[in-house]
Amino acid sequence: MKKTLYFRIILAYILFGLFGFIAVATVVSRLTTEYCIRDKARMLYGEASRISDTYALQLYRSKIKLEDVQAQMEALSSYMDTEIWILNPSGRMVVNSGKAPDPGQETYVEDFDSTIIAGNYYTIGRFFNSFDEEVLSVIAPITNDFKIRGYVAIHLPMSRIQTDADNMLNLSYMLLVILLVLSLIILFFFTEYVYRPLRRIIAAAEQYALGNMHYHIPVESEDELGYLSASLGYMADTIARSEDDQKKFIANISHDFRSPLTSMRGFLEAMLDGTIPPERFSHYLEVVLGETERLTKLTNGLLTLNNLNTGGILLQRTDFDINAVIRSVAASFEQTCRAKKIHIRLVLTGKILFVNADLEKIQQVLYNLVDNALKFSHEDSEITIDTTEKGDTVFISVRDSGIGIPKEDQKLIWDRFYKTDLSRGKDKKGTGLGLSIVREIIRAHDENINMVSTEGVGSTFTFTLRRSEKNDALSSLGEPEVDVRE
């Protein structure tokens, strides 16, 4: 497709011009000549018929003199640039606009036959060898008392008709030239605004095929080609970001796997070569066991994310009490809260608040959010979990008063393995997958999650769930809906 498309367009343009000139020179030329002949014949026959009904008829009725008719025919012939004859049925010349007949010498048209027109009203030829060139001749009969008394013949040289036809043909040539010029202008605009941008898009596609996803398409029009180039550019940027994310993913996972493996190998080698005394084996074996648990947690997180992204995990939606789940998750962190002197406060709407979702997945979401809040909260601080109803939606928020998230990092916290600089010192055991898993689970529910954070003040994570119709049934039974603070 590199050259064939434009070559075909140019070839079509050349063939259009060539066949156009051939058509004008042959078909249009013939049709124009025939049109001029018919038009002149129709006009001349009309004049011949008027002459036969007026001057010629009056002449045969002896109501007008021959000299007067001769003068009128000469004037009319000069005006029409033709030659007008009045003939007897035998072919004798009565009136000749080109030359006045001699009364003493009769002039005949040899072999005159009025049937030469053969049912038509005109004929082309030398009119019984009366002319040296071809002429267009029309014949109109002169009738009186239902008898043909003579004929009016008008002759016009074919050279003059051909001149008129050539003038009209020149107009056709001019029109064809104008069409070719306009087509050339259209071809220019097509080249500039369609073909060249298309070539640039093709060049960009070739670059993308070679792996150069950072190639910029220099097409910025607002038409379909511009939309196509923008779509290709967006696709390339997406692929480039995906490749960058993949490289970053491999680098992060390599780092997160290498660190515990290096630590485990170091401790085990130290135990084997005697650097670590036997009485300390149990301590370092516990450290190695902790690192294996970290690797297991990292692997499980990766598997969870992969299944969520590929749609491998089907949601098992049920109606359950979200307040009960929140209480259960909060209770599971009791020991951690006591160790860090952190208080979890629950502000729940109603004693029972049913939602429709996957219980295990939502429990995992709450666990990750609370675990994340505990990691980055100060000692003697408070974490608040609250629920709110708005129409058919339930809002669940987890709010802490910890270190917060820097503004430049807030868009990146959902990325896999991402850890802020502030978190790296506090959370050495984290995998950086918790918030990614949370977002994918909420997305799988077709719900939303957002975050509001101020550095040094704290963070609030809020996600939505579908409210269950069971709440309406409970309300009809008189169940109170009041905030429960624990």
Protein backbone atom coordinates (compact mmCIF):
# COMPACT_ATOMS: atom_id res chain seq x y z
CA MET A 1 0.00 0.00 0.00
CA LYS A 2 3.04 2.25 0.07
CA LYS A 3 2.58 3.65 -3.46
CA THR A 4 -0.25 1.81 -5.14
CA LEU A 5 -3.14 3.82 -3.68
CA TYR A 6 -1.89 7.25 -4.72
CA PHE A 7 -0.60 5.87 -8.04
CA ARG A 8 -4.07 4.54 -8.79
CA ILE A 9 -5.63 7.89 -7.97
CA ILE A 10 -3.21 9.73 -10.30
CA LEU A 11 -3.77 7.10 -13.01
CA ALA A 12 -7.53 7.49 -12.64
CA TYR A 13 -7.16 11.27 -12.97
CA ILE A 14 -5.07 10.92 -16.15
CA LEU A 15 -7.48 8.39 -17.65
CA PHE A 16 -10.39 10.66 -16.77
CA GLY A 17 -8.77 13.53 -18.68
CA LEU A 18 -7.79 11.32 -21.64
CA PHE A 19 -11.19 9.67 -22.02
CA GLY A 20 -12.85 13.03 -21.48
CA PHE A 21 -11.03 14.56 -24.46
CA ILE A 22 -11.72 11.47 -26.58
CA ALA A 23 -15.40 11.62 -25.68
CA VAL A 24 -15.61 15.33 -26.54
CA ALA A 25 -13.72 14.85 -29.79
CA THR A 26 -15.93 11.96 -30.95
CA VAL A 27 -19.29 11.47 -29.29
CA VAL A 28 -19.88 15.04 -28.13
CA SER A 29 -18.63 16.41 -31.48
CA ARG A 30 -21.06 14.24 -33.42
CA LEU A 31 -23.95 14.99 -31.10
CA THR A 32 -23.22 18.72 -31.24
CA THR A 33 -23.14 18.72 -35.06
CA GLU A 34 -26.39 16.75 -35.22
CA TYR A 35 -28.00 19.12 -32.76
CA CYS A 36 -26.93 22.17 -34.78
CA ILE A 37 -28.23 20.60 -38.02
CA ARG A 38 -31.62 19.76 -36.50
CA ASP A 39 -31.89 23.16 -34.84
CA LYS A 40 -31.04 25.06 -38.03
CA ALA A 41 -33.32 22.81 -40.11
CA ARG A 42 -36.20 23.38 -37.72
CA MET A 43 -35.69 27.12 -37.81
CA LEU A 44 -35.30 27.25 -41.62
CA TYR A 45 -38.34 25.06 -42.20
CA GLY A 46 -40.39 27.37 -40.05
CA GLU A 47 -39.28 30.33 -42.16
CA ALA A 48 -39.97 28.39 -45.38
CA SER A 49 -43.47 27.54 -44.19
CA ARG A 50 -44.21 31.19 -43.36
CA ILE A 51 -42.93 32.30 -46.78
CA SER A 52 -45.07 29.68 -48.55
CA ASP A 53 -48.16 30.82 -46.65
CA THR A 54 -47.57 34.51 -47.33
CA TYR A 55 -45.41 35.87 -50.15
CA ALA A 56 -45.34 32.71 -52.28
CA LEU A 57 -49.07 32.06 -51.97
CA GLN A 58 -49.89 35.70 -52.77
CA LEU A 59 -47.56 35.49 -55.74
CA TYR A 60 -49.43 32.50 -57.19
CA ARG A 61 -52.75 34.25 -56.51
CA SER A 62 -51.39 37.27 -58.37
CA LYS A 63 -51.90 39.50 -55.34
CA ILE A 64 -48.29 40.65 -55.28
CA LYS A 65 -45.77 41.39 -57.97
CA LEU A 66 -42.82 39.16 -58.69
CA GLU A 67 -40.43 42.09 -58.25
CA ASP A 68 -41.80 42.75 -54.75
CA VAL A 69 -41.42 39.09 -53.77
CA GLN A 70 -37.88 39.10 -55.17
CA ALA A 71 -36.99 42.13 -53.07
CA GLN A 72 -38.49 40.63 -49.92
CA MET A 73 -36.64 37.34 -50.45
CA GLU A 74 -33.34 39.14 -51.02
CA ALA A 75 -33.79 41.11 -47.81
CA LEU A 76 -34.80 38.05 -45.82
CA SER A 77 -31.97 36.02 -47.33
CA SER A 78 -29.45 38.69 -46.36
CA TYR A 79 -30.82 38.77 -42.82
CA MET A 80 -30.77 34.97 -42.43
CA ASP A 81 -27.50 34.56 -44.38
CA THR A 82 -29.17 31.91 -46.53
CA GLU A 83 -30.35 31.45 -50.11
CA ILE A 84 -34.12 31.31 -50.71
CA TRP A 85 -35.72 29.80 -53.78
CA ILE A 86 -39.30 29.57 -55.00
CA LEU A 87 -39.70 26.71 -57.47
CA ASN A 88 -42.45 25.35 -59.63
CA PRO A 89 -43.24 21.61 -59.27
CA SER A 90 -41.25 21.07 -62.46
CA GLY A 91 -38.18 22.63 -60.94
CA ARG A 92 -38.34 25.99 -62.73
CA MET A 93 -36.85 28.82 -60.73
CA VAL A 94 -39.45 31.50 -59.97
CA VAL A 95 -37.58 33.47 -57.29
CA ASN A 96 -33.86 33.24 -56.41
CA SER A 97 -32.66 35.48 -53.60
CA GLY A 98 -29.11 35.10 -54.81
CA LYS A 99 -29.78 36.12 -58.39
CA ALA A 100 -32.89 37.60 -59.94
CA PRO A 101 -34.27 35.26 -62.67
CA ASP A 102 -34.08 36.57 -66.24
CA PRO A 103 -37.65 36.83 -67.65
CA GLY A 104 -36.30 36.00 -71.06
CA GLN A 105 -34.44 32.92 -69.90
CA GLU A 106 -35.92 30.24 -67.69
CA THR A 107 -33.75 28.53 -65.10
CA TYR A 108 -34.43 24.96 -64.05
CA VAL A 109 -33.15 22.76 -61.25
CA GLU A 110 -32.26 19.66 -63.17
CA ASP A 111 -33.91 16.43 -62.04
CA PHE A 112 -35.76 18.25 -59.23
CA ASP A 113 -37.76 15.84 -57.08
CA SER A 114 -39.65 17.07 -54.05
CA THR A 115 -39.55 13.59 -52.53
CA ILE A 116 -35.83 14.00 -51.82
CA ILE A 117 -36.67 14.86 -48.24
CA ALA A 118 -38.21 11.35 -47.89
CA GLY A 119 -40.71 12.22 -45.20
CA ASN A 120 -38.34 14.60 -43.47
CA TYR A 121 -38.28 18.35 -43.73
CA TYR A 122 -34.59 18.77 -44.59
CA THR A 123 -31.82 17.19 -46.65
CA ILE A 124 -28.03 17.55 -46.80
CA GLY A 125 -26.12 17.56 -50.06
CA ARG A 126 -25.58 19.64 -53.20
CA PHE A 127 -29.31 19.85 -53.97
CA PHE A 128 -29.31 18.28 -57.39
CA ASN A 129 -25.81 19.60 -58.11
CA SER A 130 -26.95 23.18 -57.73
CA PHE A 131 -24.12 24.08 -55.33
CA ASP A 132 -20.38 23.49 -55.23
CA GLU A 133 -20.45 22.53 -51.53
CA GLU A 134 -22.79 20.66 -49.25
CA VAL A 135 -25.74 22.64 -48.00
CA LEU A 136 -28.62 22.10 -45.61
CA SER A 137 -31.82 22.42 -47.60
CA VAL A 138 -35.42 22.58 -46.37
CA ILE A 139 -38.44 22.38 -48.69
CA ALA A 140 -41.93 23.66 -47.84
CA PRO A 141 -44.82 23.15 -50.29
CA ILE A 142 -46.98 26.04 -51.56
CA THR A 143 -50.61 24.89 -51.59
CA ASN A 144 -53.62 26.63 -53.07
CA ASP A 145 -57.07 25.08 -53.44
CA PHE A 146 -55.68 21.85 -52.09
CA LYS A 147 -53.09 21.66 -54.85
CA ILE A 148 -49.34 22.06 -54.67
CA ARG A 149 -48.46 25.10 -56.77
CA GLY A 150 -44.76 25.12 -55.99
CA TYR A 151 -42.10 24.90 -53.30
CA VAL A 152 -40.08 27.21 -51.08
CA ALA A 153 -36.50 25.97 -50.64
CA ILE A 154 -34.03 27.55 -48.22
CA HIS A 155 -30.35 26.59 -48.38
CA LEU A 156 -27.64 27.10 -45.75
CA PRO A 157 -24.00 26.03 -46.33
CA MET A 158 -22.92 23.19 -44.06
CA SER A 159 -19.64 25.02 -43.42
CA ARG A 160 -21.53 27.65 -41.45
CA ILE A 161 -23.35 25.00 -39.42
CA GLN A 162 -20.04 23.29 -38.77
CA THR A 163 -18.63 26.62 -37.57
CA ASP A 164 -21.49 26.95 -35.09
CA ALA A 165 -20.97 23.33 -34.01
CA ASP A 166 -17.24 23.95 -33.53
CA ASN A 167 -17.98 27.00 -31.39
CA MET A 168 -20.28 24.91 -29.20
CA LEU A 169 -17.68 22.15 -29.12
CA ASN A 170 -15.10 24.64 -27.91
CA LEU A 171 -17.39 25.34 -24.99
CA SER A 172 -17.39 21.61 -24.25
CA TYR A 173 -13.59 21.59 -24.34
CA MET A 174 -13.48 24.59 -22.03
CA LEU A 175 -15.92 22.91 -19.66
CA LEU A 176 -13.77 19.76 -19.70
CA VAL A 177 -10.66 21.80 -18.95
CA ILE A 178 -12.46 23.52 -16.08
CA LEU A 179 -13.53 20.12 -14.74
CA LEU A 180 -9.95 18.86 -14.98
CA VAL A 181 -8.65 21.93 -13.16
CA LEU A 182 -11.28 21.54 -10.47
CA SER A 183 -10.41 17.83 -10.24
CA LEU A 184 -6.75 18.78 -9.93
CA ILE A 185 -7.62 21.14 -7.08
CA ILE A 186 -9.63 18.37 -5.42
CA LEU A 187 -6.70 16.01 -5.96
CA PHE A 188 -4.40 18.56 -4.34
CA PHE A 189 -6.67 18.89 -1.31
CA PHE A 190 -7.02 15.10 -1.16
CA THR A 191 -3.24 14.77 -1.24
CA GLU A 192 -2.72 17.43 1.41
CA TYR A 193 -5.56 16.62 3.79
CA VAL A 194 -6.13 12.88 3.25
CA TYR A 195 -3.22 11.10 1.60
CA ARG A 196 -0.35 12.79 3.46
CA PRO A 197 -1.99 12.37 6.90
CA LEU A 198 -2.79 8.77 5.96
CA ARG A 199 0.88 8.21 5.08
CA ARG A 200 1.90 9.69 8.42
CA ILE A 201 -0.52 7.39 10.21
CA ILE A 202 0.86 4.40 8.25
CA ALA A 203 4.41 5.46 9.16
CA ALA A 204 3.37 5.67 12.80
CA ALA A 205 1.74 2.23 12.62
CA GLU A 206 5.00 0.85 11.20
CA GLN A 207 6.92 2.43 14.08
CA TYR A 208 4.48 0.91 16.57
CA ALA A 209 4.87 -2.46 14.88
CA LEU A 210 8.64 -2.13 15.37
CA GLY A 211 8.08 -1.45 19.06
CA ASN A 212 8.61 2.31 19.08
CA MET A 213 5.55 3.18 21.14
CA HIS A 214 6.81 6.69 21.88
CA TYR A 215 6.56 7.79 18.24
CA HIS A 216 4.31 10.84 17.86
CA ILE A 217 1.82 11.01 14.97
CA PRO A 218 1.98 14.53 13.46
CA VAL A 219 -1.72 14.56 12.56
CA GLU A 220 -3.84 16.95 14.59
CA SER A 221 -6.89 17.60 12.40
CA GLU A 222 -10.41 17.40 13.79
CA ASP A 223 -11.77 14.98 11.18
CA GLU A 224 -11.89 11.19 11.05
CA LEU A 225 -8.17 10.97 10.26
CA GLY A 226 -7.40 13.15 13.25
CA TYR A 227 -9.60 10.94 15.39
CA LEU A 228 -7.85 7.85 14.01
CA SER A 229 -4.40 9.30 14.71
CA ALA A 230 -5.48 10.34 18.20
CA SER A 231 -6.84 6.85 18.84
CA LEU A 232 -3.62 5.25 17.59
CA GLY A 233 -1.59 7.66 19.68
CA TYR A 234 -3.70 6.88 22.73
CA MET A 235 -3.32 3.16 22.04
CA ALA A 236 0.46 3.55 21.72
CA ASP A 237 0.62 5.60 24.94
CA THR A 238 -1.45 2.96 26.70
CA ILE A 239 0.81 0.17 25.44
CA ALA A 240 3.89 2.21 26.36
CA ARG A 241 2.51 2.80 29.86
CA SER A 242 1.64 -0.88 30.06
CA GLU A 243 5.19 -1.79 29.10
CA ASP A 244 6.57 0.69 31.62
CA ASP A 245 4.21 -0.70 34.25
CA GLN A 246 5.30 -4.21 33.33
CA LYS A 247 8.96 -3.28 33.71
CA LYS A 248 8.20 -1.55 36.98
CA PHE A 249 6.12 -4.53 38.08
CA ILE A 250 8.98 -6.94 37.33
CA ALA A 251 11.45 -4.67 39.10
CA ASN A 252 9.21 -4.32 42.15
CA ILE A 253 8.34 -7.98 42.41
CA SER A 254 11.99 -8.91 41.93
CA HIS A 255 12.93 -6.54 44.75
CA ASP A 256 10.14 -7.75 47.03
CA PHE A 257 11.03 -11.40 46.44
CA ARG A 258 14.78 -10.88 46.58
CA SER A 259 14.81 -9.09 49.93
CA PRO A 260 13.26 -11.90 52.03
CA LEU A 261 15.13 -14.57 50.06
CA THR A 262 18.43 -12.79 50.67
CA SER A 263 17.59 -12.45 54.35
CA MET A 264 16.60 -16.11 54.64
CA ARG A 265 19.71 -17.31 52.81
CA GLY A 266 21.95 -15.12 54.95
CA PHE A 267 20.51 -16.47 58.21
CA LEU A 268 20.63 -20.08 57.03
CA GLU A 269 24.25 -19.77 55.82
CA ALA A 270 25.20 -18.12 59.09
CA MET A 271 23.60 -21.02 60.96
CA LEU A 272 25.45 -23.58 58.83
CA ASP A 273 28.90 -21.99 59.04
CA GLY A 274 28.61 -21.45 62.77
CA THR A 275 28.34 -17.65 62.75
CA ILE A 276 25.07 -18.01 64.62
CA PRO A 277 25.40 -20.21 67.73
CA PRO A 278 22.97 -23.13 68.10
CA GLU A 279 21.25 -21.55 71.10
CA ARG A 280 20.09 -18.72 68.80
CA PHE A 281 18.75 -21.03 66.09
CA SER A 282 15.16 -20.89 67.28
CA HIS A 283 15.14 -17.08 67.16
CA TYR A 284 16.47 -16.87 63.62
CA LEU A 285 14.28 -19.75 62.46
CA GLU A 286 11.31 -17.68 63.58
CA VAL A 287 12.70 -14.79 61.52
CA VAL A 288 13.04 -17.09 58.50
CA LEU A 289 9.49 -18.35 59.09
CA GLY A 290 8.26 -14.75 59.15
CA GLU A 291 9.96 -14.12 55.82
CA THR A 292 8.30 -17.19 54.31
CA GLU A 293 4.96 -15.91 55.54
CA ARG A 294 5.75 -12.61 53.85
CA LEU A 295 6.51 -14.44 50.57
CA THR A 296 3.30 -16.43 50.90
CA LYS A 297 1.31 -13.26 51.50
CA LEU A 298 2.96 -11.62 48.48
CA THR A 299 2.22 -14.62 46.24
CA ASN A 300 -1.40 -14.83 47.38
CA GLY A 301 -1.84 -11.12 46.75
CA LEU A 302 -0.49 -11.47 43.22
CA LEU A 303 -2.79 -14.41 42.53
CA THR A 304 -5.76 -12.48 43.88
CA LEU A 305 -5.01 -9.47 41.69
CA ASN A 306 -4.49 -11.61 38.61
CA ASN A 307 -7.79 -13.41 39.12
CA LEU A 308 -9.64 -10.16 39.71
CA ASN A 309 -8.17 -8.50 36.61
CA THR A 310 -8.90 -11.46 34.33
CA GLY A 311 -12.38 -12.02 35.74
CA GLY A 312 -11.32 -15.40 37.13
CA ILE A 313 -13.08 -14.87 40.47
CA LEU A 314 -16.86 -14.87 40.38
CA LEU A 315 -18.63 -12.85 43.02
CA GLN A 316 -20.93 -14.76 45.33
CA ARG A 317 -23.39 -12.03 46.15
CA THR A 318 -25.49 -12.44 49.26
CA ASP A 319 -27.39 -10.18 51.63
CA PHE A 320 -25.41 -9.74 54.83
CA ASP A 321 -25.09 -7.31 57.74
CA ILE A 322 -22.19 -4.98 56.97
CA ASN A 323 -22.21 -3.73 60.57
CA ALA A 324 -21.54 -7.25 61.82
CA VAL A 325 -18.67 -7.66 59.36
CA ILE A 326 -17.15 -4.35 60.49
CA ARG A 327 -17.37 -5.42 64.15
CA SER A 328 -15.73 -8.74 63.30
CA VAL A 329 -12.86 -7.11 61.39
CA ALA A 330 -12.32 -4.55 64.13
CA ALA A 331 -12.19 -7.33 66.74
CA SER A 332 -9.50 -9.17 64.76
CA PHE A 333 -7.11 -6.22 65.28
CA GLU A 334 -7.62 -6.09 69.05
CA GLN A 335 -4.08 -7.23 69.91
CA THR A 336 -2.47 -4.84 67.41
CA CYS A 337 -4.56 -1.96 68.75
CA ARG A 338 -3.51 -2.70 72.30
CA ALA A 339 0.16 -2.91 71.30
CA LYS A 340 0.07 0.46 69.54
CA LYS A 341 -2.48 2.00 71.95
CA ILE A 342 -4.86 2.77 69.09
CA HIS A 343 -8.64 2.92 69.56
CA ILE A 344 -11.08 1.85 66.84
CA ARG A 345 -14.38 3.77 67.00
CA LEU A 346 -17.42 2.43 65.14
CA VAL A 347 -20.16 4.83 64.01
CA LEU A 348 -22.69 2.51 62.41
CA THR A 349 -26.11 3.31 60.94
CA GLY A 350 -28.67 1.08 62.64
CA LYS A 351 -28.08 -2.07 64.61
CA ILE A 352 -28.36 -4.08 61.39
CA LEU A 353 -27.55 -2.77 57.91
CA PHE A 354 -27.84 -5.27 55.08
CA VAL A 355 -25.91 -4.90 51.81
CA ASN A 356 -25.79 -7.05 48.70
CA ALA A 357 -22.20 -8.08 47.94
CA ASP A 358 -19.62 -10.85 48.25
CA LEU A 359 -19.12 -11.20 51.99
CA GLU A 360 -15.58 -12.66 51.88
CA LYS A 361 -14.35 -10.07 49.39
CA ILE A 362 -15.79 -7.15 51.35
CA GLN A 363 -14.30 -8.60 54.54
CA GLN A 364 -10.93 -8.61 52.75
CA VAL A 365 -11.45 -4.98 51.70
CA LEU A 366 -12.20 -3.91 55.26
CA TYR A 367 -9.26 -5.92 56.60
CA ASN A 368 -6.83 -4.29 54.14
CA LEU A 369 -8.14 -0.78 54.83
CA VAL A 370 -8.02 -1.19 58.62
CA ASP A 371 -4.61 -2.86 58.44
CA ASN A 372 -3.36 0.02 56.29
CA ALA A 373 -4.77 2.57 58.75
CA LEU A 374 -3.12 0.85 61.70
CA LYS A 375 0.27 0.77 59.98
CA PHE A 376 0.37 4.51 59.43
CA SER A 377 -1.39 5.74 62.59
CA HIS A 378 0.44 7.25 65.52
CA GLU A 379 0.27 5.72 68.98
CA ASP A 380 -2.58 6.89 71.20
CA SER A 381 -4.61 7.83 68.09
CA GLU A 382 -8.05 6.79 66.85
CA ILE A 383 -9.39 5.02 63.76
CA THR A 384 -13.05 5.59 62.85
CA ILE A 385 -15.19 3.24 60.77
CA ASP A 386 -18.64 4.53 59.86
CA THR A 387 -21.54 3.58 57.62
CA THR A 388 -24.05 5.91 55.96
CA GLU A 389 -27.15 5.28 53.84
CA LYS A 390 -28.08 7.45 50.85
CA GLY A 391 -30.92 6.04 48.80
CA ASP A 392 -29.97 2.60 47.52
CA THR A 393 -26.28 3.09 48.36
CA VAL A 394 -24.36 2.42 51.55
CA PHE A 395 -21.14 4.37 52.16
CA ILE A 396 -18.44 2.74 54.32
CA SER A 397 -15.53 4.92 55.46
CA VAL A 398 -12.27 4.08 57.26
CA ARG A 399 -10.62 7.20 58.67
CA ASP A 400 -7.33 7.49 60.53
CA SER A 401 -5.36 10.36 61.99
CA GLY A 402 -1.95 9.11 60.90
CA ILE A 403 0.85 10.43 58.71
CA GLY A 404 -1.33 11.02 55.65
CA ILE A 405 -0.31 10.67 52.03
CA PRO A 406 1.64 13.34 50.13
CA LYS A 407 -0.36 15.02 47.37
CA GLU A 408 2.05 13.89 44.62
CA ASP A 409 1.62 10.25 45.74
CA GLN A 410 -2.18 10.14 46.01
CA LYS A 411 -2.77 9.14 42.37
CA LEU A 412 -0.22 6.34 42.63
CA ILE A 413 -1.33 4.55 45.79
CA TRP A 414 -3.59 2.19 43.81
CA ASP A 415 -0.67 0.91 41.71
CA ARG A 416 0.77 -2.50 42.46
CA PHE A 417 3.81 -2.51 44.75
CA TYR A 418 3.68 1.25 45.13
CA LYS A 419 4.87 2.56 48.47
CA THR A 420 5.27 6.18 49.41
CA ASP A 421 8.57 7.37 50.75
CA LEU A 422 6.91 7.92 54.13
CA SER A 423 5.65 4.33 54.24
CA ARG A 424 8.94 2.66 53.45
CA GLY A 425 10.35 3.44 56.87
CA LYS A 426 7.24 2.38 58.78
CA ASP A 427 6.08 -0.61 56.75
CA LYS A 428 8.95 -2.85 55.81
CA LYS A 429 6.74 -5.95 55.74
CA GLY A 430 4.09 -4.52 53.42
CA THR A 431 3.78 -5.86 49.89
CA GLY A 432 2.30 -2.77 48.28
CA LEU A 433 -0.63 -4.85 46.97
CA GLY A 434 -3.30 -4.15 49.59
CA LEU A 435 -4.88 -1.06 48.04
CA SER A 436 -4.63 -2.55 44.53
CA ILE A 437 -6.62 -5.57 45.74
CA VAL A 438 -9.14 -3.29 47.44
CA ARG A 439 -9.75 -1.28 44.28
CA GLU A 440 -10.13 -4.38 42.08
CA ILE A 441 -12.64 -5.96 44.47
CA ILE A 442 -14.74 -2.79 44.60
CA ARG A 443 -14.60 -2.49 40.82
CA ALA A 444 -15.70 -6.10 40.48
CA HIS A 445 -18.82 -5.07 42.45
CA ASP A 446 -19.39 -2.15 40.01
CA GLU A 447 -18.95 0.22 42.93
CA ASN A 448 -16.61 3.12 43.67
CA ILE A 449 -13.84 3.85 46.14
CA ASN A 450 -12.08 7.14 46.76
CA MET A 451 -9.56 8.61 49.13
CA VAL A 452 -9.08 11.97 50.84
CA SER A 453 -5.79 12.56 52.60
CA THR A 454 -3.83 15.40 54.14
CA GLU A 455 -0.19 14.90 54.97
CA GLY A 456 0.34 14.96 58.72
CA VAL A 457 -3.43 14.90 59.42
CA GLY A 458 -4.67 11.53 58.22
CA SER A 459 -6.50 9.69 55.45
CA THR A 460 -10.09 8.63 54.76
CA PHE A 461 -10.99 5.78 52.41
CA THR A 462 -14.67 5.55 51.41
CA PHE A 463 -16.27 2.85 49.26
CA THR A 464 -19.87 2.13 48.27
CA LEU A 465 -22.04 -0.99 48.29
CA ARG A 466 -25.54 -1.77 47.10
CA ARG A 467 -28.15 -1.51 49.85
CA SER A 468 -30.18 -4.69 50.34
CA GLU A 469 -33.99 -4.76 50.20
CA LYS A 470 -33.96 -6.67 53.48
CA ASN A 471 -33.58 -3.32 55.26
CA ASP A 472 -37.02 -2.27 54.02
CA ALA A 473 -38.52 -5.48 55.40
CA LEU A 474 -36.87 -4.82 58.77
CA SER A 475 -38.12 -1.23 58.77
CA SER A 476 -41.67 -2.44 58.21
CA LEU A 477 -41.26 -4.61 61.31
CA GLY A 478 -40.32 -1.60 63.37
CA GLU A 479 -36.55 -2.06 63.62
CA PRO A 480 -35.00 1.24 64.70
CA GLU A 481 -32.30 2.87 62.51
CA VAL A 482 -30.00 4.80 64.85
CA ASP A 483 -26.29 5.40 64.98
CA VAL A 484 -24.45 2.91 67.12
CA ARG A 485 -21.17 4.16 68.58
CA GLU A 486 -18.79 1.58 69.99
